[in-house]
Amino acid sequence: NLHIEVSALGGETVLAGIIRLVEDAQASKAPIQQLVDRISRIFVP
């Protein structure tokens, strides 16, 4: 049985931070994809 003192809530918790990082990673392109996109703009023509 534990008694704890709250030190972080909502978006400041570790779990919220993990979720936010995964969402950011999912929404953004990997560096290699960004590189391919830049190359394609020159490579295709």
ModelCIF file with pLDDT and N, C-alpha, C, O atoms, coordinates in Angstrom:
data_MODEL
#
_entry.id   MODEL 
#
_entity.id                         1 
_entity.type                       polymer 
_entity.pdbx_number_of_molecules   1 
#
_entity_poly.entity_id                      1 
_entity_poly.type                           'polypeptide(L)' 
_entity_poly.nstd_linkage                   no 
_entity_poly.nstd_monomer                   no 
_entity_poly.pdbx_seq_one_letter_code       NLHIEVSALGGETVLAGIIRLVEDAQASKAPIQQLVDRISRIFVP 
_entity_poly.pdbx_seq_one_letter_code_can   NLHIEVSALGGETVLAGIIRLVEDAQASKAPIQQLVDRISRIFVP 
_entity_poly.pdbx_strand_id                 A 
#
loop_
_entity_poly_seq.entity_id 
_entity_poly_seq.num 
_entity_poly_seq.mon_id 
_entity_poly_seq.hetero 
1 1  ASN n 
1 2  LEU n 
1 3  HIS n 
1 4  ILE n 
1 5  GLU n 
1 6  VAL n 
1 7  SER n 
1 8  ALA n 
1 9  LEU n 
1 10 GLY n 
1 11 GLY n 
1 12 GLU n 
1 13 THR n 
1 14 VAL n 
1 15 LEU n 
1 16 ALA n 
1 17 GLY n 
1 18 ILE n 
1 19 ILE n 
1 20 ARG n 
1 21 LEU n 
1 22 VAL n 
1 23 GLU n 
1 24 ASP n 
1 25 ALA n 
1 26 GLN n 
1 27 ALA n 
1 28 SER n 
1 29 LYS n 
1 30 ALA n 
1 31 PRO n 
1 32 ILE n 
1 33 GLN n 
1 34 GLN n 
1 35 LEU n 
1 36 VAL n 
1 37 ASP n 
1 38 ARG n 
1 39 ILE n 
1 40 SER n 
1 41 ARG n 
1 42 ILE n 
1 43 PHE n 
1 44 VAL n 
1 45 PRO n 
#
_struct_asym.id          A 
_struct_asym.entity_id   1 
#
loop_
_ma_qa_metric.id 
_ma_qa_metric.mode 
_ma_qa_metric.name 
_ma_qa_metric.software_group_id 
_ma_qa_metric.type 
1 global pLDDT . pLDDT 
2 local  pLDDT . pLDDT 
#
_ma_qa_metric_global.metric_id      1 
_ma_qa_metric_global.metric_value   82.87 
_ma_qa_metric_global.model_id       1 
_ma_qa_metric_global.ordinal_id     1 
#
loop_
_ma_qa_metric_local.label_asym_id 
_ma_qa_metric_local.label_comp_id 
_ma_qa_metric_local.label_seq_id 
_ma_qa_metric_local.metric_id 
_ma_qa_metric_local.metric_value 
_ma_qa_metric_local.model_id 
_ma_qa_metric_local.ordinal_id 
A ASN 1  2 93.00 1 1  
A LEU 2  2 95.00 1 2  
A HIS 3  2 95.00 1 3  
A ILE 4  2 95.00 1 4  
A GLU 5  2 95.00 1 5  
A VAL 6  2 94.00 1 6  
A SER 7  2 94.00 1 7  
A ALA 8  2 92.00 1 8  
A LEU 9  2 87.00 1 9  
A GLY 10 2 81.00 1 10 
A GLY 11 2 81.00 1 11 
A GLU 12 2 87.00 1 12 
A THR 13 2 87.00 1 13 
A VAL 14 2 87.00 1 14 
A LEU 15 2 84.00 1 15 
A ALA 16 2 85.00 1 16 
A GLY 17 2 87.00 1 17 
A ILE 18 2 84.00 1 18 
A ILE 19 2 82.00 1 19 
A ARG 20 2 85.00 1 20 
A LEU 21 2 84.00 1 21 
A VAL 22 2 80.00 1 22 
A GLU 23 2 80.00 1 23 
A ASP 24 2 82.00 1 24 
A ALA 25 2 77.00 1 25 
A GLN 26 2 75.00 1 26 
A ALA 27 2 74.00 1 27 
A SER 28 2 74.00 1 28 
A LYS 29 2 71.00 1 29 
A ALA 30 2 72.00 1 30 
A PRO 31 2 79.00 1 31 
A ILE 32 2 78.00 1 32 
A GLN 33 2 75.00 1 33 
A GLN 34 2 77.00 1 34 
A LEU 35 2 82.00 1 35 
A VAL 36 2 74.00 1 36 
A ASP 37 2 74.00 1 37 
A ARG 38 2 80.00 1 38 
A ILE 39 2 81.00 1 39 
A SER 40 2 76.00 1 40 
A ARG 41 2 79.00 1 41 
A ILE 42 2 85.00 1 42 
A PHE 43 2 83.00 1 43 
A VAL 44 2 82.00 1 44 
A PRO 45 2 85.00 1 45 
#
loop_
_atom_site.group_PDB 
_atom_site.id 
_atom_site.type_symbol 
_atom_site.label_atom_id 
_atom_site.label_alt_id 
_atom_site.label_comp_id 
_atom_site.label_asym_id 
_atom_site.label_entity_id 
_atom_site.label_seq_id 
_atom_site.pdbx_PDB_ins_code 
_atom_site.Cartn_x 
_atom_site.Cartn_y 
_atom_site.Cartn_z 
_atom_site.occupancy 
_atom_site.B_iso_or_equiv 
_atom_site.pdbx_formal_charge 
_atom_site.auth_seq_id 
_atom_site.auth_comp_id 
_atom_site.auth_asym_id 
_atom_site.auth_atom_id 
_atom_site.pdbx_PDB_model_num 
ATOM 1   N N  . ASN A 1 1  ? 0.864  -1.181 0.000   1.00 93.00 ? 1  ASN A N  1 
ATOM 2   C CA . ASN A 1 1  ? 0.000  0.000  0.000   1.00 93.00 ? 1  ASN A CA 1 
ATOM 3   C C  . ASN A 1 1  ? 0.904  1.235  0.000   1.00 93.00 ? 1  ASN A C  1 
ATOM 4   O O  . ASN A 1 1  ? 1.784  1.362  0.851   1.00 93.00 ? 1  ASN A O  1 
ATOM 5   N N  . LEU A 1 2  ? 0.685  2.148  -0.961  1.00 95.00 ? 2  LEU A N  1 
ATOM 6   C CA . LEU A 1 2  ? 1.568  3.306  -1.095  1.00 95.00 ? 2  LEU A CA 1 
ATOM 7   C C  . LEU A 1 2  ? 0.817  4.613  -0.902  1.00 95.00 ? 2  LEU A C  1 
ATOM 8   O O  . LEU A 1 2  ? -0.341 4.751  -1.295  1.00 95.00 ? 2  LEU A O  1 
ATOM 9   N N  . HIS A 1 3  ? 1.505  5.572  -0.287  1.00 95.00 ? 3  HIS A N  1 
ATOM 10  C CA . HIS A 1 3  ? 1.042  6.966  -0.278  1.00 95.00 ? 3  HIS A CA 1 
ATOM 11  C C  . HIS A 1 3  ? 2.056  7.748  -1.117  1.00 95.00 ? 3  HIS A C  1 
ATOM 12  O O  . HIS A 1 3  ? 3.257  7.689  -0.855  1.00 95.00 ? 3  HIS A O  1 
ATOM 13  N N  . ILE A 1 4  ? 1.575  8.473  -2.115  1.00 95.00 ? 4  ILE A N  1 
ATOM 14  C CA . ILE A 1 4  ? 2.497  9.240  -2.952  1.00 95.00 ? 4  ILE A CA 1 
ATOM 15  C C  . ILE A 1 4  ? 2.074  10.710 -2.995  1.00 95.00 ? 4  ILE A C  1 
ATOM 16  O O  . ILE A 1 4  ? 0.909  11.051 -2.789  1.00 95.00 ? 4  ILE A O  1 
ATOM 17  N N  . GLU A 1 5  ? 3.059  11.564 -3.269  1.00 95.00 ? 5  GLU A N  1 
ATOM 18  C CA . GLU A 1 5  ? 2.807  12.991 -3.480  1.00 95.00 ? 5  GLU A CA 1 
ATOM 19  C C  . GLU A 1 5  ? 2.911  13.279 -4.972  1.00 95.00 ? 5  GLU A C  1 
ATOM 20  O O  . GLU A 1 5  ? 3.919  12.953 -5.599  1.00 95.00 ? 5  GLU A O  1 
ATOM 21  N N  . VAL A 1 6  ? 1.879  13.886 -5.542  1.00 94.00 ? 6  VAL A N  1 
ATOM 22  C CA . VAL A 1 6  ? 1.831  14.135 -6.985  1.00 94.00 ? 6  VAL A CA 1 
ATOM 23  C C  . VAL A 1 6  ? 2.902  15.145 -7.383  1.00 94.00 ? 6  VAL A C  1 
ATOM 24  O O  . VAL A 1 6  ? 2.992  16.228 -6.804  1.00 94.00 ? 6  VAL A O  1 
ATOM 25  N N  . SER A 1 7  ? 3.715  14.781 -8.379  1.00 94.00 ? 7  SER A N  1 
ATOM 26  C CA . SER A 1 7  ? 4.788  15.683 -8.831  1.00 94.00 ? 7  SER A CA 1 
ATOM 27  C C  . SER A 1 7  ? 4.606  16.143 -10.283 1.00 94.00 ? 7  SER A C  1 
ATOM 28  O O  . SER A 1 7  ? 5.260  17.093 -10.714 1.00 94.00 ? 7  SER A O  1 
ATOM 29  N N  . ALA A 1 8  ? 3.732  15.483 -11.033 1.00 92.00 ? 8  ALA A N  1 
ATOM 30  C CA . ALA A 1 8  ? 3.475  15.895 -12.421 1.00 92.00 ? 8  ALA A CA 1 
ATOM 31  C C  . ALA A 1 8  ? 2.090  15.450 -12.823 1.00 92.00 ? 8  ALA A C  1 
ATOM 32  O O  . ALA A 1 8  ? 1.620  14.386 -12.421 1.00 92.00 ? 8  ALA A O  1 
ATOM 33  N N  . LEU A 1 9  ? 1.431  16.290 -13.633 1.00 87.00 ? 9  LEU A N  1 
ATOM 34  C CA . LEU A 1 9  ? 0.061  16.016 -14.062 1.00 87.00 ? 9  LEU A CA 1 
ATOM 35  C C  . LEU A 1 9  ? -0.092 16.271 -15.555 1.00 87.00 ? 9  LEU A C  1 
ATOM 36  O O  . LEU A 1 9  ? 0.705  16.989 -16.158 1.00 87.00 ? 9  LEU A O  1 
ATOM 37  N N  . GLY A 1 10 ? -1.122 15.678 -16.142 1.00 81.00 ? 10 GLY A N  1 
ATOM 38  C CA . GLY A 1 10 ? -1.490 15.981 -17.527 1.00 81.00 ? 10 GLY A CA 1 
ATOM 39  C C  . GLY A 1 10 ? -0.355 15.783 -18.501 1.00 81.00 ? 10 GLY A C  1 
ATOM 40  O O  . GLY A 1 10 ? 0.266  14.721 -18.553 1.00 81.00 ? 10 GLY A O  1 
ATOM 41  N N  . GLY A 1 11 ? -0.090 16.835 -19.283 1.00 81.00 ? 11 GLY A N  1 
ATOM 42  C CA . GLY A 1 11 ? 0.920  16.763 -20.337 1.00 81.00 ? 11 GLY A CA 1 
ATOM 43  C C  . GLY A 1 11 ? 2.339  16.720 -19.820 1.00 81.00 ? 11 GLY A C  1 
ATOM 44  O O  . GLY A 1 11 ? 3.270  16.508 -20.597 1.00 81.00 ? 11 GLY A O  1 
ATOM 45  N N  . GLU A 1 12 ? 2.533  16.920 -18.498 1.00 87.00 ? 12 GLU A N  1 
ATOM 46  C CA . GLU A 1 12 ? 3.886  16.916 -17.930 1.00 87.00 ? 12 GLU A CA 1 
ATOM 47  C C  . GLU A 1 12 ? 4.313  15.537 -17.451 1.00 87.00 ? 12 GLU A C  1 
ATOM 48  O O  . GLU A 1 12 ? 5.468  15.365 -17.061 1.00 87.00 ? 12 GLU A O  1 
ATOM 49  N N  . THR A 1 13 ? 3.431  14.557 -17.465 1.00 87.00 ? 13 THR A N  1 
ATOM 50  C CA . THR A 1 13 ? 3.788  13.229 -16.969 1.00 87.00 ? 13 THR A CA 1 
ATOM 51  C C  . THR A 1 13 ? 4.687  12.503 -17.967 1.00 87.00 ? 13 THR A C  1 
ATOM 52  O O  . THR A 1 13 ? 4.735  12.850 -19.147 1.00 87.00 ? 13 THR A O  1 
ATOM 53  N N  . VAL A 1 14 ? 5.392  11.497 -17.475 1.00 87.00 ? 14 VAL A N  1 
ATOM 54  C CA . VAL A 1 14 ? 6.269  10.696 -18.328 1.00 87.00 ? 14 VAL A CA 1 
ATOM 55  C C  . VAL A 1 14 ? 5.457  10.004 -19.421 1.00 87.00 ? 14 VAL A C  1 
ATOM 56  O O  . VAL A 1 14 ? 5.878  9.968  -20.577 1.00 87.00 ? 14 VAL A O  1 
ATOM 57  N N  . LEU A 1 15 ? 4.294  9.456  -19.062 1.00 84.00 ? 15 LEU A N  1 
ATOM 58  C CA . LEU A 1 15 ? 3.450  8.760  -20.031 1.00 84.00 ? 15 LEU A CA 1 
ATOM 59  C C  . LEU A 1 15 ? 2.992  9.709  -21.139 1.00 84.00 ? 15 LEU A C  1 
ATOM 60  O O  . LEU A 1 15 ? 3.020  9.350  -22.316 1.00 84.00 ? 15 LEU A O  1 
ATOM 61  N N  . ALA A 1 16 ? 2.568  10.927 -20.762 1.00 85.00 ? 16 ALA A N  1 
ATOM 62  C CA . ALA A 1 16 ? 2.150  11.913 -21.760 1.00 85.00 ? 16 ALA A CA 1 
ATOM 63  C C  . ALA A 1 16 ? 3.317  12.278 -22.668 1.00 85.00 ? 16 ALA A C  1 
ATOM 64  O O  . ALA A 1 16 ? 3.135  12.489 -23.867 1.00 85.00 ? 16 ALA A O  1 
ATOM 65  N N  . GLY A 1 17 ? 4.525  12.353 -22.090 1.00 87.00 ? 17 GLY A N  1 
ATOM 66  C CA . GLY A 1 17 ? 5.709  12.652 -22.893 1.00 87.00 ? 17 GLY A CA 1 
ATOM 67  C C  . GLY A 1 17 ? 6.000  11.566 -23.910 1.00 87.00 ? 17 GLY A C  1 
ATOM 68  O O  . GLY A 1 17 ? 6.364  11.861 -25.048 1.00 87.00 ? 17 GLY A O  1 
ATOM 69  N N  . ILE A 1 18 ? 5.843  10.303 -23.509 1.00 84.00 ? 18 ILE A N  1 
ATOM 70  C CA . ILE A 1 18 ? 6.051  9.178  -24.430 1.00 84.00 ? 18 ILE A CA 1 
ATOM 71  C C  . ILE A 1 18 ? 5.053  9.264  -25.575 1.00 84.00 ? 18 ILE A C  1 
ATOM 72  O O  . ILE A 1 18 ? 5.430  9.135  -26.740 1.00 84.00 ? 18 ILE A O  1 
ATOM 73  N N  . ILE A 1 19 ? 3.770  9.482  -25.247 1.00 82.00 ? 19 ILE A N  1 
ATOM 74  C CA . ILE A 1 19 ? 2.714  9.562  -26.264 1.00 82.00 ? 19 ILE A CA 1 
ATOM 75  C C  . ILE A 1 19 ? 3.003  10.710 -27.231 1.00 82.00 ? 19 ILE A C  1 
ATOM 76  O O  . ILE A 1 19 ? 2.842  10.568 -28.443 1.00 82.00 ? 19 ILE A O  1 
ATOM 77  N N  . ARG A 1 20 ? 3.434  11.855 -26.680 1.00 85.00 ? 20 ARG A N  1 
ATOM 78  C CA . ARG A 1 20 ? 3.718  13.027 -27.513 1.00 85.00 ? 20 ARG A CA 1 
ATOM 79  C C  . ARG A 1 20 ? 4.888  12.754 -28.465 1.00 85.00 ? 20 ARG A C  1 
ATOM 80  O O  . ARG A 1 20 ? 4.840  13.139 -29.633 1.00 85.00 ? 20 ARG A O  1 
ATOM 81  N N  . LEU A 1 21 ? 5.929  12.096 -27.973 1.00 84.00 ? 21 LEU A N  1 
ATOM 82  C CA . LEU A 1 21 ? 7.087  11.773 -28.810 1.00 84.00 ? 21 LEU A CA 1 
ATOM 83  C C  . LEU A 1 21 ? 6.717  10.823 -29.941 1.00 84.00 ? 21 LEU A C  1 
ATOM 84  O O  . LEU A 1 21 ? 7.159  10.994 -31.078 1.00 84.00 ? 21 LEU A O  1 
ATOM 85  N N  . VAL A 1 22 ? 5.898  9.813  -29.618 1.00 80.00 ? 22 VAL A N  1 
ATOM 86  C CA . VAL A 1 22 ? 5.488  8.847  -30.650 1.00 80.00 ? 22 VAL A CA 1 
ATOM 87  C C  . VAL A 1 22 ? 4.618  9.535  -31.695 1.00 80.00 ? 22 VAL A C  1 
ATOM 88  O O  . VAL A 1 22 ? 4.767  9.284  -32.891 1.00 80.00 ? 22 VAL A O  1 
ATOM 89  N N  . GLU A 1 23 ? 3.699  10.412 -31.246 1.00 80.00 ? 23 GLU A N  1 
ATOM 90  C CA . GLU A 1 23 ? 2.845  11.147 -32.186 1.00 80.00 ? 23 GLU A CA 1 
ATOM 91  C C  . GLU A 1 23 ? 3.677  12.038 -33.100 1.00 80.00 ? 23 GLU A C  1 
ATOM 92  O O  . GLU A 1 23 ? 3.426  12.114 -34.302 1.00 80.00 ? 23 GLU A O  1 
ATOM 93  N N  . ASP A 1 24 ? 4.674  12.716 -32.519 1.00 82.00 ? 24 ASP A N  1 
ATOM 94  C CA . ASP A 1 24 ? 5.546  13.584 -33.318 1.00 82.00 ? 24 ASP A CA 1 
ATOM 95  C C  . ASP A 1 24 ? 6.330  12.766 -34.343 1.00 82.00 ? 24 ASP A C  1 
ATOM 96  O O  . ASP A 1 24 ? 6.476  13.168 -35.497 1.00 82.00 ? 24 ASP A O  1 
ATOM 97  N N  . ALA A 1 25 ? 6.828  11.617 -33.901 1.00 77.00 ? 25 ALA A N  1 
ATOM 98  C CA . ALA A 1 25 ? 7.595  10.760 -34.805 1.00 77.00 ? 25 ALA A CA 1 
ATOM 99  C C  . ALA A 1 25 ? 6.723  10.245 -35.939 1.00 77.00 ? 25 ALA A C  1 
ATOM 100 O O  . ALA A 1 25 ? 7.176  10.118 -37.076 1.00 77.00 ? 25 ALA A O  1 
ATOM 101 N N  . GLN A 1 26 ? 5.454  9.947  -35.615 1.00 75.00 ? 26 GLN A N  1 
ATOM 102 C CA . GLN A 1 26 ? 4.544  9.418  -36.630 1.00 75.00 ? 26 GLN A CA 1 
ATOM 103 C C  . GLN A 1 26 ? 4.154  10.496 -37.632 1.00 75.00 ? 26 GLN A C  1 
ATOM 104 O O  . GLN A 1 26 ? 3.955  10.212 -38.813 1.00 75.00 ? 26 GLN A O  1 
ATOM 105 N N  . ALA A 1 27 ? 4.046  11.734 -37.159 1.00 74.00 ? 27 ALA A N  1 
ATOM 106 C CA . ALA A 1 27 ? 3.594  12.823 -38.033 1.00 74.00 ? 27 ALA A CA 1 
ATOM 107 C C  . ALA A 1 27 ? 4.718  13.355 -38.909 1.00 74.00 ? 27 ALA A C  1 
ATOM 108 O O  . ALA A 1 27 ? 4.467  13.907 -39.979 1.00 74.00 ? 27 ALA A O  1 
ATOM 109 N N  . SER A 1 28 ? 5.953  13.191 -38.459 1.00 74.00 ? 28 SER A N  1 
ATOM 110 C CA . SER A 1 28 ? 7.075  13.754 -39.214 1.00 74.00 ? 28 SER A CA 1 
ATOM 111 C C  . SER A 1 28 ? 7.697  12.697 -40.114 1.00 74.00 ? 28 SER A C  1 
ATOM 112 O O  . SER A 1 28 ? 7.548  11.496 -39.891 1.00 74.00 ? 28 SER A O  1 
ATOM 113 N N  . LYS A 1 29 ? 8.393  13.172 -41.131 1.00 71.00 ? 29 LYS A N  1 
ATOM 114 C CA . LYS A 1 29 ? 9.095  12.257 -42.031 1.00 71.00 ? 29 LYS A CA 1 
ATOM 115 C C  . LYS A 1 29 ? 10.476 11.926 -41.465 1.00 71.00 ? 29 LYS A C  1 
ATOM 116 O O  . LYS A 1 29 ? 11.115 12.755 -40.819 1.00 71.00 ? 29 LYS A O  1 
ATOM 117 N N  . ALA A 1 30 ? 10.913 10.710 -41.719 1.00 72.00 ? 30 ALA A N  1 
ATOM 118 C CA . ALA A 1 30 ? 12.267 10.323 -41.316 1.00 72.00 ? 30 ALA A CA 1 
ATOM 119 C C  . ALA A 1 30 ? 13.271 11.145 -42.113 1.00 72.00 ? 30 ALA A C  1 
ATOM 120 O O  . ALA A 1 30 ? 12.979 11.555 -43.237 1.00 72.00 ? 30 ALA A O  1 
ATOM 121 N N  . PRO A 1 31 ? 14.454 11.391 -41.545 1.00 79.00 ? 31 PRO A N  1 
ATOM 122 C CA . PRO A 1 31 ? 15.467 12.180 -42.272 1.00 79.00 ? 31 PRO A CA 1 
ATOM 123 C C  . PRO A 1 31 ? 15.765 11.620 -43.662 1.00 79.00 ? 31 PRO A C  1 
ATOM 124 O O  . PRO A 1 31 ? 15.983 12.383 -44.603 1.00 79.00 ? 31 PRO A O  1 
ATOM 125 N N  . ILE A 1 32 ? 15.777 10.294 -43.797 1.00 78.00 ? 32 ILE A N  1 
ATOM 126 C CA . ILE A 1 32 ? 16.082 9.708  -45.109 1.00 78.00 ? 32 ILE A CA 1 
ATOM 127 C C  . ILE A 1 32 ? 14.969 10.030 -46.107 1.00 78.00 ? 32 ILE A C  1 
ATOM 128 O O  . ILE A 1 32 ? 15.235 10.221 -47.293 1.00 78.00 ? 32 ILE A O  1 
ATOM 129 N N  . GLN A 1 33 ? 13.706 10.090 -45.620 1.00 75.00 ? 33 GLN A N  1 
ATOM 130 C CA . GLN A 1 33 ? 12.594 10.439 -46.511 1.00 75.00 ? 33 GLN A CA 1 
ATOM 131 C C  . GLN A 1 33 ? 12.701 11.888 -46.970 1.00 75.00 ? 33 GLN A C  1 
ATOM 132 O O  . GLN A 1 33 ? 12.451 12.200 -48.134 1.00 75.00 ? 33 GLN A O  1 
ATOM 133 N N  . GLN A 1 34 ? 13.074 12.769 -46.048 1.00 77.00 ? 34 GLN A N  1 
ATOM 134 C CA . GLN A 1 34 ? 13.249 14.185 -46.403 1.00 77.00 ? 34 GLN A CA 1 
ATOM 135 C C  . GLN A 1 34 ? 14.363 14.336 -47.438 1.00 77.00 ? 34 GLN A C  1 
ATOM 136 O O  . GLN A 1 34 ? 14.262 15.136 -48.368 1.00 77.00 ? 34 GLN A O  1 
ATOM 137 N N  . LEU A 1 35 ? 15.426 13.551 -47.258 1.00 82.00 ? 35 LEU A N  1 
ATOM 138 C CA . LEU A 1 35 ? 16.538 13.596 -48.207 1.00 82.00 ? 35 LEU A CA 1 
ATOM 139 C C  . LEU A 1 35 ? 16.081 13.112 -49.588 1.00 82.00 ? 35 LEU A C  1 
ATOM 140 O O  . LEU A 1 35 ? 16.414 13.714 -50.609 1.00 82.00 ? 35 LEU A O  1 
ATOM 141 N N  . VAL A 1 36 ? 15.314 12.018 -49.605 1.00 74.00 ? 36 VAL A N  1 
ATOM 142 C CA . VAL A 1 36 ? 14.814 11.477 -50.877 1.00 74.00 ? 36 VAL A CA 1 
ATOM 143 C C  . VAL A 1 36 ? 13.919 12.491 -51.578 1.00 74.00 ? 36 VAL A C  1 
ATOM 144 O O  . VAL A 1 36 ? 13.999 12.659 -52.795 1.00 74.00 ? 36 VAL A O  1 
ATOM 145 N N  . ASP A 1 37 ? 13.062 13.170 -50.807 1.00 74.00 ? 37 ASP A N  1 
ATOM 146 C CA . ASP A 1 37 ? 12.178 14.179 -51.400 1.00 74.00 ? 37 ASP A CA 1 
ATOM 147 C C  . ASP A 1 37 ? 12.983 15.310 -52.036 1.00 74.00 ? 37 ASP A C  1 
ATOM 148 O O  . ASP A 1 37 ? 12.658 15.777 -53.128 1.00 74.00 ? 37 ASP A O  1 
ATOM 149 N N  . ARG A 1 38 ? 14.042 15.748 -51.341 1.00 80.00 ? 38 ARG A N  1 
ATOM 150 C CA . ARG A 1 38 ? 14.873 16.831 -51.879 1.00 80.00 ? 38 ARG A CA 1 
ATOM 151 C C  . ARG A 1 38 ? 15.593 16.380 -53.146 1.00 80.00 ? 38 ARG A C  1 
ATOM 152 O O  . ARG A 1 38 ? 15.685 17.122 -54.125 1.00 80.00 ? 38 ARG A O  1 
ATOM 153 N N  . ILE A 1 39 ? 16.103 15.146 -53.107 1.00 81.00 ? 39 ILE A N  1 
ATOM 154 C CA . ILE A 1 39 ? 16.802 14.612 -54.287 1.00 81.00 ? 39 ILE A CA 1 
ATOM 155 C C  . ILE A 1 39 ? 15.832 14.461 -55.457 1.00 81.00 ? 39 ILE A C  1 
ATOM 156 O O  . ILE A 1 39 ? 16.175 14.768 -56.599 1.00 81.00 ? 39 ILE A O  1 
ATOM 157 N N  . SER A 1 40 ? 14.593 13.976 -55.162 1.00 76.00 ? 40 SER A N  1 
ATOM 158 C CA . SER A 1 40 ? 13.613 13.721 -56.221 1.00 76.00 ? 40 SER A CA 1 
ATOM 159 C C  . SER A 1 40 ? 13.291 14.987 -57.011 1.00 76.00 ? 40 SER A C  1 
ATOM 160 O O  . SER A 1 40 ? 13.092 14.936 -58.225 1.00 76.00 ? 40 SER A O  1 
ATOM 161 N N  . ARG A 1 41 ? 13.241 16.123 -56.315 1.00 79.00 ? 41 ARG A N  1 
ATOM 162 C CA . ARG A 1 41 ? 12.906 17.375 -56.998 1.00 79.00 ? 41 ARG A CA 1 
ATOM 163 C C  . ARG A 1 41 ? 13.929 17.710 -58.080 1.00 79.00 ? 41 ARG A C  1 
ATOM 164 O O  . ARG A 1 41 ? 13.601 18.347 -59.081 1.00 79.00 ? 41 ARG A O  1 
ATOM 165 N N  . ILE A 1 42 ? 15.181 17.272 -57.866 1.00 85.00 ? 42 ILE A N  1 
ATOM 166 C CA . ILE A 1 42 ? 16.229 17.495 -58.871 1.00 85.00 ? 42 ILE A CA 1 
ATOM 167 C C  . ILE A 1 42 ? 16.364 16.268 -59.775 1.00 85.00 ? 42 ILE A C  1 
ATOM 168 O O  . ILE A 1 42 ? 16.533 16.379 -60.989 1.00 85.00 ? 42 ILE A O  1 
ATOM 169 N N  . PHE A 1 43 ? 16.284 15.105 -59.148 1.00 83.00 ? 43 PHE A N  1 
ATOM 170 C CA . PHE A 1 43 ? 16.554 13.845 -59.836 1.00 83.00 ? 43 PHE A CA 1 
ATOM 171 C C  . PHE A 1 43 ? 15.565 13.572 -60.970 1.00 83.00 ? 43 PHE A C  1 
ATOM 172 O O  . PHE A 1 43 ? 15.962 13.166 -62.062 1.00 83.00 ? 43 PHE A O  1 
ATOM 173 N N  . VAL A 1 44 ? 14.272 13.797 -60.705 1.00 82.00 ? 44 VAL A N  1 
ATOM 174 C CA . VAL A 1 44 ? 13.247 13.462 -61.697 1.00 82.00 ? 44 VAL A CA 1 
ATOM 175 C C  . VAL A 1 44 ? 13.423 14.251 -63.000 1.00 82.00 ? 44 VAL A C  1 
ATOM 176 O O  . VAL A 1 44 ? 13.498 13.641 -64.066 1.00 82.00 ? 44 VAL A O  1 
ATOM 177 N N  . PRO A 1 45 ? 13.491 15.585 -62.949 1.00 85.00 ? 45 PRO A N  1 
ATOM 178 C CA . PRO A 1 45 ? 13.686 16.303 -64.219 1.00 85.00 ? 45 PRO A CA 1 
ATOM 179 C C  . PRO A 1 45 ? 15.020 15.973 -64.891 1.00 85.00 ? 45 PRO A C  1 
ATOM 180 O O  . PRO A 1 45 ? 15.319 16.501 -65.963 1.00 85.00 ? 45 PRO A O  1 
#
